[in-house]
Amino acid sequence: MRCLEGIGRASANPAIMAKALMALLILILPLLAAGPAQAQVAGACPPPKKLAAGACVTACPGGYEDRGRDCVYRNQSR
């Protein structure tokens, strides 16, 4: 159990804790600042796919009209 003795001292060291916190923030901050998903724009889907309800799909789902690079929802109740 001698190999575990240094763990308590290392975690109590404020300098090590500060460095670990900064590393964590550097890794997580870009993920939090990310904008909306690119699938919100019809041109963002790769060429064989098209945009339907904010997602890239290979074929328009039921109730959607195929308009080339995007699928437009059509209300069936009218």
PDB file of N, CA and C in Angstrom:
ATOM      1  N   MET A   1       0.809  -1.194   0.000  1.00  0.00           N
ATOM      2  CA  MET A   1       0.000   0.000   0.000  1.00  0.00           C
ATOM      3  C   MET A   1       0.854   1.260   0.000  1.00  0.00           C
ATOM      4  N   ARG A   2       2.182   1.095  -0.049  1.00  0.00           N
ATOM      5  CA  ARG A   2       3.057   2.261  -0.061  1.00  0.00           C
ATOM      6  C   ARG A   2       2.862   3.079  -1.326  1.00  0.00           C
ATOM      7  N   CYS A   3       2.456   2.460  -2.435  1.00  0.00           N
ATOM      8  CA  CYS A   3       2.298   3.201  -3.684  1.00  0.00           C
ATOM      9  C   CYS A   3       1.120   4.178  -3.628  1.00  0.00           C
ATOM     10  N   LEU A   4       0.192   3.989  -2.708  1.00  0.00           N
ATOM     11  CA  LEU A   4      -0.969   4.871  -2.593  1.00  0.00           C
ATOM     12  C   LEU A   4      -0.779   5.980  -1.566  1.00  0.00           C
ATOM     13  N   GLU A   5       0.344   6.007  -0.882  1.00  0.00           N
ATOM     14  CA  GLU A   5       0.551   7.004   0.163  1.00  0.00           C
ATOM     15  C   GLU A   5       0.653   8.419  -0.391  1.00  0.00           C
ATOM     16  N   GLY A   6       1.214   8.600  -1.566  1.00  0.00           N
ATOM     17  CA  GLY A   6       1.405   9.938  -2.123  1.00  0.00           C
ATOM     18  C   GLY A   6       0.156  10.545  -2.723  1.00  0.00           C
ATOM     19  N   ILE A   7      -0.869   9.770  -2.890  1.00  0.00           N
ATOM     20  CA  ILE A   7      -2.081  10.279  -3.523  1.00  0.00           C
ATOM     21  C   ILE A   7      -2.736  11.357  -2.666  1.00  0.00           C
ATOM     22  N   GLY A   8      -2.831  11.156  -1.391  1.00  0.00           N
ATOM     23  CA  GLY A   8      -3.445  12.147  -0.512  1.00  0.00           C
ATOM     24  C   GLY A   8      -2.681  13.453  -0.494  1.00  0.00           C
ATOM     25  N   ARG A   9      -1.373  13.394  -0.503  1.00  0.00           N
ATOM     26  CA  ARG A   9      -0.565  14.614  -0.502  1.00  0.00           C
ATOM     27  C   ARG A   9      -0.667  15.341  -1.835  1.00  0.00           C
ATOM     28  N   ALA A  10      -0.704  14.627  -2.936  1.00  0.00           N
ATOM     29  CA  ALA A  10      -0.759  15.263  -4.251  1.00  0.00           C
ATOM     30  C   ALA A  10      -2.102  15.957  -4.468  1.00  0.00           C
ATOM     31  N   SER A  11      -3.173  15.360  -4.007  1.00  0.00           N
ATOM     32  CA  SER A  11      -4.473  15.971  -4.224  1.00  0.00           C
ATOM     33  C   SER A  11      -4.696  17.166  -3.315  1.00  0.00           C
ATOM     34  N   ALA A  12      -3.947  17.277  -2.231  1.00  0.00           N
ATOM     35  CA  ALA A  12      -4.094  18.403  -1.328  1.00  0.00           C
ATOM     36  C   ALA A  12      -3.239  19.589  -1.768  1.00  0.00           C
ATOM     37  N   ASN A  13      -2.321  19.404  -2.696  1.00  0.00           N
ATOM     38  CA  ASN A  13      -1.447  20.474  -3.146  1.00  0.00           C
ATOM     39  C   ASN A  13      -2.243  21.451  -4.013  1.00  0.00           C
ATOM     40  N   PRO A  14      -2.381  22.715  -3.601  1.00  0.00           N
ATOM     41  CA  PRO A  14      -3.194  23.681  -4.353  1.00  0.00           C
ATOM     42  C   PRO A  14      -2.655  23.956  -5.757  1.00  0.00           C
ATOM     43  N   ALA A  15      -1.340  23.929  -5.938  1.00  0.00           N
ATOM     44  CA  ALA A  15      -0.782  24.197  -7.259  1.00  0.00           C
ATOM     45  C   ALA A  15      -1.166  23.104  -8.250  1.00  0.00           C
ATOM     46  N   ILE A  16      -1.134  21.868  -7.821  1.00  0.00           N
ATOM     47  CA  ILE A  16      -1.513  20.758  -8.693  1.00  0.00           C
ATOM     48  C   ILE A  16      -3.005  20.810  -8.987  1.00  0.00           C
ATOM     49  N   MET A  17      -3.795  21.133  -7.975  1.00  0.00           N
ATOM     50  CA  MET A  17      -5.241  21.231  -8.183  1.00  0.00           C
ATOM     51  C   MET A  17      -5.571  22.364  -9.156  1.00  0.00           C
ATOM     52  N   ALA A  18      -4.865  23.493  -9.058  1.00  0.00           N
ATOM     53  CA  ALA A  18      -5.109  24.620  -9.957  1.00  0.00           C
ATOM     54  C   ALA A  18      -4.754  24.244 -11.396  1.00  0.00           C
ATOM     55  N   LYS A  19      -3.636  23.538 -11.581  1.00  0.00           N
ATOM     56  CA  LYS A  19      -3.241  23.111 -12.921  1.00  0.00           C
ATOM     57  C   LYS A  19      -4.251  22.127 -13.505  1.00  0.00           C
ATOM     58  N   ALA A  20      -4.733  21.228 -12.681  1.00  0.00           N
ATOM     59  CA  ALA A  20      -5.724  20.255 -13.146  1.00  0.00           C
ATOM     60  C   ALA A  20      -7.028  20.953 -13.528  1.00  0.00           C
ATOM     61  N   LEU A  21      -7.439  21.938 -12.746  1.00  0.00           N
ATOM     62  CA  LEU A  21      -8.658  22.687 -13.041  1.00  0.00           C
ATOM     63  C   LEU A  21      -8.509  23.479 -14.332  1.00  0.00           C
ATOM     64  N   MET A  22      -7.360  24.104 -14.533  1.00  0.00           N
ATOM     65  CA  MET A  22      -7.126  24.863 -15.760  1.00  0.00           C
ATOM     66  C   MET A  22      -7.139  23.936 -16.979  1.00  0.00           C
ATOM     67  N   ALA A  23      -6.530  22.764 -16.854  1.00  0.00           N
ATOM     68  CA  ALA A  23      -6.537  21.812 -17.964  1.00  0.00           C
ATOM     69  C   ALA A  23      -7.958  21.366 -18.280  1.00  0.00           C
ATOM     70  N   LEU A  24      -8.745  21.140 -17.262  1.00  0.00           N
ATOM     71  CA  LEU A  24     -10.138  20.733 -17.458  1.00  0.00           C
ATOM     72  C   LEU A  24     -10.931  21.840 -18.144  1.00  0.00           C
ATOM     73  N   LEU A  25     -10.737  23.071 -17.716  1.00  0.00           N
ATOM     74  CA  LEU A  25     -11.445  24.200 -18.333  1.00  0.00           C
ATOM     75  C   LEU A  25     -11.033  24.385 -19.786  1.00  0.00           C
ATOM     76  N   ILE A  26      -9.743  24.209 -20.078  1.00  0.00           N
ATOM     77  CA  ILE A  26      -9.270  24.363 -21.451  1.00  0.00           C
ATOM     78  C   ILE A  26      -9.900  23.308 -22.349  1.00  0.00           C
ATOM     79  N   LEU A  27     -10.124  22.120 -21.823  1.00  0.00           N
ATOM     80  CA  LEU A  27     -10.728  21.063 -22.625  1.00  0.00           C
ATOM     81  C   LEU A  27     -12.229  21.235 -22.786  1.00  0.00           C
ATOM     82  N   ILE A  28     -12.915  21.719 -21.757  1.00  0.00           N
ATOM     83  CA  ILE A  28     -14.376  21.786 -21.772  1.00  0.00           C
ATOM     84  C   ILE A  28     -14.913  23.098 -22.345  1.00  0.00           C
ATOM     85  N   LEU A  29     -14.219  24.203 -22.163  1.00  0.00           N
ATOM     86  CA  LEU A  29     -14.723  25.513 -22.576  1.00  0.00           C
ATOM     87  C   LEU A  29     -15.077  25.586 -24.060  1.00  0.00           C
ATOM     88  N   PRO A  30     -14.265  25.070 -24.985  1.00  0.00           N
ATOM     89  CA  PRO A  30     -14.680  25.126 -26.395  1.00  0.00           C
ATOM     90  C   PRO A  30     -15.973  24.356 -26.670  1.00  0.00           C
ATOM     91  N   LEU A  31     -16.218  23.303 -25.938  1.00  0.00           N
ATOM     92  CA  LEU A  31     -17.457  22.545 -26.146  1.00  0.00           C
ATOM     93  C   LEU A  31     -18.675  23.342 -25.691  1.00  0.00           C
ATOM     94  N   LEU A  32     -18.520  24.100 -24.625  1.00  0.00           N
ATOM     95  CA  LEU A  32     -19.631  24.901 -24.122  1.00  0.00           C
ATOM     96  C   LEU A  32     -19.916  26.098 -25.008  1.00  0.00           C
ATOM     97  N   ALA A  33     -18.900  26.623 -25.687  1.00  0.00           N
ATOM     98  CA  ALA A  33     -19.055  27.812 -26.507  1.00  0.00           C
ATOM     99  C   ALA A  33     -19.466  27.475 -27.939  1.00  0.00           C
ATOM    100  N   ALA A  34     -19.643  26.219 -28.277  1.00  0.00           N
ATOM    101  CA  ALA A  34     -19.987  25.819 -29.639  1.00  0.00           C
ATOM    102  C   ALA A  34     -21.364  26.349 -30.014  1.00  0.00           C
ATOM    103  N   GLY A  35     -21.510  26.728 -31.245  1.00  0.00           N
ATOM    104  CA  GLY A  35     -22.773  27.249 -31.743  1.00  0.00           C
ATOM    105  C   GLY A  35     -23.730  26.126 -32.086  1.00  0.00           C
ATOM    106  N   PRO A  36     -24.791  26.442 -32.818  1.00  0.00           N
ATOM    107  CA  PRO A  36     -25.758  25.416 -33.203  1.00  0.00           C
ATOM    108  C   PRO A  36     -25.137  24.406 -34.163  1.00  0.00           C
ATOM    109  N   ALA A  37     -25.735  23.259 -34.230  1.00  0.00           N
ATOM    110  CA  ALA A  37     -25.228  22.196 -35.103  1.00  0.00           C
ATOM    111  C   ALA A  37     -25.257  22.666 -36.561  1.00  0.00           C
ATOM    112  N   GLN A  38     -24.310  22.211 -37.348  1.00  0.00           N
ATOM    113  CA  GLN A  38     -24.224  22.624 -38.742  1.00  0.00           C
ATOM    114  C   GLN A  38     -25.370  22.094 -39.596  1.00  0.00           C
ATOM    115  N   ALA A  39     -26.094  21.116 -39.124  1.00  0.00           N
ATOM    116  CA  ALA A  39     -27.198  20.560 -39.910  1.00  0.00           C
ATOM    117  C   ALA A  39     -28.384  21.521 -39.985  1.00  0.00           C
ATOM    118  N   GLN A  40     -28.308  22.665 -39.328  1.00  0.00           N
ATOM    119  CA  GLN A  40     -29.392  23.632 -39.384  1.00  0.00           C
ATOM    120  C   GLN A  40     -29.430  24.345 -40.733  1.00  0.00           C
ATOM    121  N   VAL A  41     -28.368  24.271 -41.510  1.00  0.00           N
ATOM    122  CA  VAL A  41     -28.291  24.910 -42.817  1.00  0.00           C
ATOM    123  C   VAL A  41     -28.287  23.820 -43.877  1.00  0.00           C
ATOM    124  N   ALA A  42     -29.121  23.962 -44.909  1.00  0.00           N
ATOM    125  CA  ALA A  42     -29.270  22.908 -45.904  1.00  0.00           C
ATOM    126  C   ALA A  42     -27.948  22.579 -46.586  1.00  0.00           C
ATOM    127  N   GLY A  43     -27.098  23.546 -46.838  1.00  0.00           N
ATOM    128  CA  GLY A  43     -25.829  23.299 -47.507  1.00  0.00           C
ATOM    129  C   GLY A  43     -24.818  22.574 -46.640  1.00  0.00           C
ATOM    130  N   ALA A  44     -25.115  22.379 -45.355  1.00  0.00           N
ATOM    131  CA  ALA A  44     -24.165  21.742 -44.449  1.00  0.00           C
ATOM    132  C   ALA A  44     -24.178  20.222 -44.564  1.00  0.00           C
ATOM    133  N   CYS A  45     -25.205  19.655 -45.129  1.00  0.00           N
ATOM    134  CA  CYS A  45     -25.267  18.195 -45.285  1.00  0.00           C
ATOM    135  C   CYS A  45     -24.375  17.781 -46.447  1.00  0.00           C
ATOM    136  N   PRO A  46     -23.683  16.650 -46.334  1.00  0.00           N
ATOM    137  CA  PRO A  46     -22.863  16.178 -47.452  1.00  0.00           C
ATOM    138  C   PRO A  46     -23.739  15.872 -48.669  1.00  0.00           C
ATOM    139  N   PRO A  47     -23.198  15.935 -49.873  1.00  0.00           N
ATOM    140  CA  PRO A  47     -23.988  15.855 -51.106  1.00  0.00           C
ATOM    141  C   PRO A  47     -25.031  14.747 -51.222  1.00  0.00           C
ATOM    142  N   PRO A  48     -24.804  13.505 -50.824  1.00  0.00           N
ATOM    143  CA  PRO A  48     -25.906  12.557 -51.031  1.00  0.00           C
ATOM    144  C   PRO A  48     -27.045  12.730 -50.028  1.00  0.00           C
ATOM    145  N   LYS A  49     -26.842  13.523 -48.996  1.00  0.00           N
ATOM    146  CA  LYS A  49     -27.875  13.678 -47.966  1.00  0.00           C
ATOM    147  C   LYS A  49     -28.604  15.000 -48.120  1.00  0.00           C
ATOM    148  N   LYS A  50     -29.761  15.088 -47.491  1.00  0.00           N
ATOM    149  CA  LYS A  50     -30.571  16.308 -47.521  1.00  0.00           C
ATOM    150  C   LYS A  50     -31.042  16.650 -46.125  1.00  0.00           C
ATOM    151  N   LEU A  51     -31.464  17.878 -45.925  1.00  0.00           N
ATOM    152  CA  LEU A  51     -31.869  18.365 -44.611  1.00  0.00           C
ATOM    153  C   LEU A  51     -33.365  18.161 -44.399  1.00  0.00           C
ATOM    154  N   ALA A  52     -33.731  17.504 -43.285  1.00  0.00           N
ATOM    155  CA  ALA A  52     -35.135  17.315 -42.921  1.00  0.00           C
ATOM    156  C   ALA A  52     -35.261  17.499 -41.419  1.00  0.00           C
ATOM    157  N   ALA A  53     -35.982  18.509 -40.998  1.00  0.00           N
ATOM    158  CA  ALA A  53     -36.235  18.790 -39.578  1.00  0.00           C
ATOM    159  C   ALA A  53     -34.924  18.936 -38.785  1.00  0.00           C
ATOM    160  N   GLY A  54     -33.918  19.579 -39.390  1.00  0.00           N
ATOM    161  CA  GLY A  54     -32.667  19.844 -38.689  1.00  0.00           C
ATOM    162  C   GLY A  54     -31.683  18.698 -38.678  1.00  0.00           C
ATOM    163  N   ALA A  55     -31.954  17.631 -39.435  1.00  0.00           N
ATOM    164  CA  ALA A  55     -31.056  16.478 -39.471  1.00  0.00           C
ATOM    165  C   ALA A  55     -30.745  16.117 -40.921  1.00  0.00           C
ATOM    166  N   CYS A  56     -29.556  15.592 -41.140  1.00  0.00           N
ATOM    167  CA  CYS A  56     -29.171  15.123 -42.473  1.00  0.00           C
ATOM    168  C   CYS A  56     -29.698  13.705 -42.670  1.00  0.00           C
ATOM    169  N   VAL A  57     -30.477  13.503 -43.727  1.00  0.00           N
ATOM    170  CA  VAL A  57     -31.066  12.195 -44.010  1.00  0.00           C
ATOM    171  C   VAL A  57     -30.803  11.820 -45.465  1.00  0.00           C
ATOM    172  N   THR A  58     -30.893  10.537 -45.768  1.00  0.00           N
ATOM    173  CA  THR A  58     -30.681  10.090 -47.148  1.00  0.00           C
ATOM    174  C   THR A  58     -31.950  10.227 -47.989  1.00  0.00           C
ATOM    175  N   ALA A  59     -33.122  10.070 -47.377  1.00  0.00           N
ATOM    176  CA  ALA A  59     -34.396  10.208 -48.082  1.00  0.00           C
ATOM    177  C   ALA A  59     -35.368  10.972 -47.192  1.00  0.00           C
ATOM    178  N   CYS A  60     -36.241  11.719 -47.819  1.00  0.00           N
ATOM    179  CA  CYS A  60     -37.219  12.491 -47.049  1.00  0.00           C
ATOM    180  C   CYS A  60     -38.185  11.551 -46.331  1.00  0.00           C
ATOM    181  N   PRO A  61     -38.451  11.786 -45.052  1.00  0.00           N
ATOM    182  CA  PRO A  61     -39.405  10.936 -44.322  1.00  0.00           C
ATOM    183  C   PRO A  61     -40.840  11.231 -44.762  1.00  0.00           C
ATOM    184  N   GLY A  62     -41.751  10.389 -44.320  1.00  0.00           N
ATOM    185  CA  GLY A  62     -43.156  10.567 -44.648  1.00  0.00           C
ATOM    186  C   GLY A  62     -43.673  11.914 -44.188  1.00  0.00           C
ATOM    187  N   GLY A  63     -44.449  12.575 -45.048  1.00  0.00           N
ATOM    188  CA  GLY A  63     -44.985  13.879 -44.716  1.00  0.00           C
ATOM    189  C   GLY A  63     -44.092  15.024 -45.154  1.00  0.00           C
ATOM    190  N   TYR A  64     -42.922  14.714 -45.717  1.00  0.00           N
ATOM    191  CA  TYR A  64     -41.995  15.746 -46.189  1.00  0.00           C
ATOM    192  C   TYR A  64     -41.908  15.695 -47.707  1.00  0.00           C
ATOM    193  N   GLU A  65     -41.872  16.864 -48.330  1.00  0.00           N
ATOM    194  CA  GLU A  65     -41.746  16.972 -49.786  1.00  0.00           C
ATOM    195  C   GLU A  65     -40.269  17.133 -50.138  1.00  0.00           C
ATOM    196  N   ASP A  66     -39.815  16.396 -51.134  1.00  0.00           N
ATOM    197  CA  ASP A  66     -38.419  16.458 -51.567  1.00  0.00           C
ATOM    198  C   ASP A  66     -38.215  17.703 -52.422  1.00  0.00           C
ATOM    199  N   ARG A  67     -37.299  18.565 -51.995  1.00  0.00           N
ATOM    200  CA  ARG A  67     -36.976  19.777 -52.740  1.00  0.00           C
ATOM    201  C   ARG A  67     -35.483  19.840 -53.045  1.00  0.00           C
ATOM    202  N   GLY A  68     -34.916  18.733 -53.446  1.00  0.00           N
ATOM    203  CA  GLY A  68     -33.499  18.691 -53.781  1.00  0.00           C
ATOM    204  C   GLY A  68     -32.629  18.486 -52.555  1.00  0.00           C
ATOM    205  N   ARG A  69     -31.972  19.553 -52.090  1.00  0.00           N
ATOM    206  CA  ARG A  69     -31.062  19.448 -50.945  1.00  0.00           C
ATOM    207  C   ARG A  69     -31.777  19.507 -49.603  1.00  0.00           C
ATOM    208  N   ASP A  70     -33.081  19.804 -49.597  1.00  0.00           N
ATOM    209  CA  ASP A  70     -33.811  19.832 -48.330  1.00  0.00           C
ATOM    210  C   ASP A  70     -35.203  19.233 -48.496  1.00  0.00           C
ATOM    211  N   CYS A  71     -35.765  18.827 -47.366  1.00  0.00           N
ATOM    212  CA  CYS A  71     -37.111  18.252 -47.321  1.00  0.00           C
ATOM    213  C   CYS A  71     -38.009  19.230 -46.574  1.00  0.00           C
ATOM    214  N   VAL A  72     -39.156  19.540 -47.156  1.00  0.00           N
ATOM    215  CA  VAL A  72     -40.075  20.515 -46.569  1.00  0.00           C
ATOM    216  C   VAL A  72     -41.295  19.773 -46.031  1.00  0.00           C
ATOM    217  N   TYR A  73     -41.643  20.070 -44.776  1.00  0.00           N
ATOM    218  CA  TYR A  73     -42.793  19.426 -44.150  1.00  0.00           C
ATOM    219  C   TYR A  73     -44.074  19.918 -44.797  1.00  0.00           C
ATOM    220  N   ARG A  74     -44.938  18.982 -45.124  1.00  0.00           N
ATOM    221  CA  ARG A  74     -46.263  19.325 -45.692  1.00  0.00           C
ATOM    222  C   ARG A  74     -47.333  18.822 -44.737  1.00  0.00           C
ATOM    223  N   ASN A  75     -48.207  19.726 -44.332  1.00  0.00           N
ATOM    224  CA  ASN A  75     -49.307  19.401 -43.451  1.00  0.00           C
ATOM    225  C   ASN A  75     -50.328  18.582 -44.215  1.00  0.00           C
ATOM    226  N   GLN A  76     -50.605  17.382 -43.775  1.00  0.00           N
ATOM    227  CA  GLN A  76     -51.513  16.472 -44.483  1.00  0.00           C
ATOM    228  C   GLN A  76     -52.981  16.696 -44.119  1.00  0.00           C
ATOM    229  N   SER A  77     -53.261  17.555 -43.144  1.00  0.00           N
ATOM    230  CA  SER A  77     -54.645  17.729 -42.692  1.00  0.00           C
ATOM    231  C   SER A  77     -55.416  18.712 -43.533  1.00  0.00           C
ATOM    232  N   ARG A  78     -54.830  19.380 -44.478  1.00  0.00           N
ATOM    233  CA  ARG A  78     -55.559  20.339 -45.315  1.00  0.00           C
ATOM    234  C   ARG A  78     -56.024  19.737 -46.594  1.00  0.00           C
TER     235      ARG A  78
END
